Each structure stands twice: as C-alpha cells, then as structure tokens.
Amino acid sequence: MEKKQPNQGKQPSQKGEKKTFSSDKPKPTTPRMESKPPSGPKGK
C-alpha cells in the first residue's frame, strides 16, 4: 500500500505535463489565426 501512495503522487505530475502539451497546441494556433485576418484584407 505504501508503494501505491508514491505512485499516486506521480500520476498527478504526469497530468500536469499533459496540460503543458495542450498549451503548446493552442499557442501555434493563435499565431496562425492572427496570420489569417491580415491575409484576408490583403487578398481583397
């Protein structure tokens, strides 16, 4: 049971790392969306 306790503490740590990946995904999408609006008026 004592071995399971330290394992549970590692699980939440991995979840935090996954959250960082999610933040990296929306980051590249933000600059891409900003490039779309300027491209719209330029194409006009």
Protein backbone atom coordinates (compact mmCIF):
# COMPACT_ATOMS: atom_id res chain seq x y z
CA MET A 1 0.00 0.00 0.00
CA GLU A 2 2.92 2.32 0.78
CA LYS A 3 4.22 1.71 -2.75
CA LYS A 4 0.87 2.77 -4.20
CA GLN A 5 0.98 6.13 -2.38
CA PRO A 6 4.14 7.36 -4.15
CA ASN A 7 2.72 6.09 -7.45
CA GLN A 8 -0.43 8.19 -6.99
CA GLY A 9 1.73 11.29 -6.48
CA LYS A 10 3.42 10.59 -9.82
CA GLN A 11 0.09 10.32 -11.65
CA PRO A 12 -0.92 13.96 -10.98
CA SER A 13 2.57 15.04 -12.04
CA GLN A 14 2.10 13.40 -15.46
CA LYS A 15 -1.31 15.09 -15.84
CA GLY A 16 0.39 18.46 -15.36
CA GLU A 17 2.85 17.60 -18.14
CA LYS A 18 -0.05 16.77 -20.45
CA LYS A 19 -1.58 20.18 -19.69
CA THR A 20 1.65 21.81 -20.88
CA PHE A 21 1.31 19.99 -24.20
CA SER A 22 -2.25 21.29 -24.56
CA SER A 23 -0.95 24.83 -24.00
CA ASP A 24 1.65 24.29 -26.73
CA LYS A 25 -1.07 23.22 -29.18
CA PRO A 26 -3.26 26.34 -28.79
CA LYS A 27 -0.15 28.56 -28.91
CA PRO A 28 0.74 27.70 -32.56
CA THR A 29 -2.95 28.03 -33.48
CA THR A 30 -3.12 31.59 -32.08
CA PRO A 31 -0.36 32.93 -34.34
CA ARG A 32 -1.89 31.08 -37.27
CA MET A 33 -5.31 32.71 -36.69
CA GLU A 34 -3.65 36.14 -36.48
CA SER A 35 -1.97 35.48 -39.83
CA LYS A 36 -5.39 34.66 -41.35
CA PRO A 37 -7.07 38.06 -40.69
CA PRO A 38 -4.18 40.06 -42.24
CA SER A 39 -4.19 37.67 -45.21
CA GLY A 40 -7.94 38.29 -45.76
CA PRO A 41 -7.74 42.07 -46.25
CA LYS A 42 -4.51 41.70 -48.24
CA GLY A 43 -6.19 39.27 -50.67
CA LYS A 44 -9.06 41.76 -51.07
